[in-house]
């Protein structure tokens, strides 16, 4: 069975997918360079994460170091890490949406894991 125009449509879709693949790779490289900073406890704990949701640095103010209250410090670290990762995820989603705009809606059922 030969359907006129089907081959051209498939080639067009494959070209779009290849372009999207290149854009996604470029965005992923750029996300590694982007950073977000999140604080908790009024700046007692600061976390810096990449756009790829990897922790780059954790800073703890001396005032947060109280041997009598380790639980508080642990809670501040968890809160700052969660904020940083959430912000990084939002940046990644926004950048991936830009890279795939106009392409994904045309491909039913195609989605990117985690985005």
Protein backbone atom coordinates (compact mmCIF):
# COMPACT_ATOMS: atom_id res chain seq x y z
CA UNK A 1 0.00 0.00 0.00
CA UNK A 2 1.44 3.33 -1.06
CA UNK A 3 0.03 6.45 0.56
CA UNK A 4 1.00 9.66 -1.27
CA UNK A 5 2.92 12.12 0.92
CA UNK A 6 3.49 9.67 3.78
CA UNK A 7 7.21 9.33 3.11
CA UNK A 8 7.64 13.10 3.08
CA UNK A 9 5.70 13.44 6.35
CA UNK A 10 7.87 10.78 8.01
CA UNK A 11 11.04 12.47 6.79
CA UNK A 12 9.77 15.78 8.14
CA UNK A 13 8.97 14.23 11.51
CA UNK A 14 12.38 12.54 11.68
CA UNK A 15 14.07 15.84 10.88
CA UNK A 16 12.08 17.54 13.65
CA UNK A 17 13.04 14.80 16.10
CA UNK A 18 16.73 15.16 15.20
CA UNK A 19 16.53 18.93 15.67
CA UNK A 20 14.81 18.44 19.02
CA UNK A 21 17.47 15.92 20.07
CA UNK A 22 20.22 18.47 19.34
CA UNK A 23 18.34 21.21 21.21
CA UNK A 24 17.82 18.95 24.22
CA UNK A 25 21.52 18.03 24.31
CA UNK A 26 22.44 21.72 24.16
CA UNK A 27 19.97 22.59 26.92
CA UNK A 28 21.33 19.80 29.13
CA UNK A 29 24.86 21.15 28.69
CA UNK A 30 23.65 24.65 29.55
CA UNK A 31 21.76 23.40 32.62
CA UNK A 32 25.01 22.01 34.03
CA UNK A 33 26.40 25.56 33.96
CA UNK A 34 23.33 27.27 35.45
CA UNK A 35 23.04 27.48 39.22
CA UNK A 36 20.34 28.28 41.73
CA UNK A 37 20.83 29.33 45.33
CA UNK A 38 18.40 28.56 48.13
CA UNK A 39 18.53 29.45 51.80
CA UNK A 40 16.84 28.33 54.97
CA UNK A 41 16.89 29.60 58.51
CA UNK A 42 17.30 33.19 57.36
CA UNK A 43 20.50 32.33 55.50
CA UNK A 44 21.96 30.04 58.14
CA UNK A 45 22.15 27.31 55.48
CA UNK A 46 22.71 28.06 51.80
CA UNK A 47 22.64 25.48 49.02
CA UNK A 48 23.86 25.97 45.48
CA UNK A 49 22.61 23.49 42.88
CA UNK A 50 23.00 23.17 39.13
CA UNK A 51 20.16 23.30 36.66
CA UNK A 52 20.60 19.53 36.36
CA UNK A 53 19.51 19.23 39.99
CA UNK A 54 22.90 18.36 41.42
CA UNK A 55 24.12 19.93 44.64
CA UNK A 56 27.26 21.95 44.00
CA UNK A 57 27.81 23.48 47.44
CA UNK A 58 26.35 23.72 50.94
CA UNK A 59 27.31 26.62 53.19
CA UNK A 60 26.52 26.62 56.91
CA UNK A 61 26.84 29.71 59.09
CA UNK A 62 28.72 29.18 62.36
CA UNK A 63 25.64 30.30 64.29
CA UNK A 64 23.84 27.21 63.00
CA UNK A 65 26.44 24.91 64.56
CA UNK A 66 24.95 24.12 67.93
CA UNK A 67 25.89 20.69 69.30
CA UNK A 68 22.83 20.91 71.53
CA UNK A 69 20.48 21.17 68.53
CA UNK A 70 21.71 18.99 65.66
CA UNK A 71 18.11 18.28 64.65
CA UNK A 72 17.59 21.94 63.76
CA UNK A 73 20.68 21.99 61.54
CA UNK A 74 19.58 18.82 59.79
CA UNK A 75 16.13 20.33 59.17
CA UNK A 76 17.69 23.53 57.78
CA UNK A 77 19.90 21.54 55.41
CA UNK A 78 16.99 19.43 54.17
CA UNK A 79 14.83 22.54 53.65
CA UNK A 80 17.54 24.40 51.71
CA UNK A 81 18.35 21.34 49.56
CA UNK A 82 14.68 20.79 48.74
CA UNK A 83 14.24 24.46 47.79
CA UNK A 84 17.33 24.42 45.57
CA UNK A 85 16.30 21.21 43.82
CA UNK A 86 12.76 22.51 43.27
CA UNK A 87 14.09 25.74 41.74
CA UNK A 88 16.53 23.79 39.56
CA UNK A 89 13.69 21.55 38.36
CA UNK A 90 11.63 24.59 37.39
CA UNK A 91 14.53 26.01 35.39
CA UNK A 92 15.09 22.66 33.67
CA UNK A 93 11.40 22.32 32.81
CA UNK A 94 11.25 25.85 31.40
CA UNK A 95 14.40 25.38 29.32
CA UNK A 96 13.26 22.00 28.00
CA UNK A 97 9.84 23.43 27.15
CA UNK A 98 11.55 26.12 25.07
CA UNK A 99 13.74 23.54 23.33
CA UNK A 100 10.79 21.33 22.44
CA UNK A 101 8.17 23.98 21.73
CA UNK A 102 6.35 23.43 18.50
CA UNK A 103 7.63 19.89 18.17
CA UNK A 104 6.26 17.73 20.98
CA UNK A 105 2.63 18.76 20.56
CA UNK A 106 2.80 17.37 17.02
CA UNK A 107 3.89 13.92 18.19
CA UNK A 108 1.06 12.23 20.12
CA UNK A 109 2.15 10.19 23.12
CA UNK A 110 5.74 11.45 23.13
CA UNK A 111 6.93 12.88 26.41
CA UNK A 112 10.27 13.41 28.10
CA UNK A 113 10.83 11.65 31.41
CA UNK A 114 11.09 14.08 34.29
CA UNK A 115 9.89 17.06 32.26
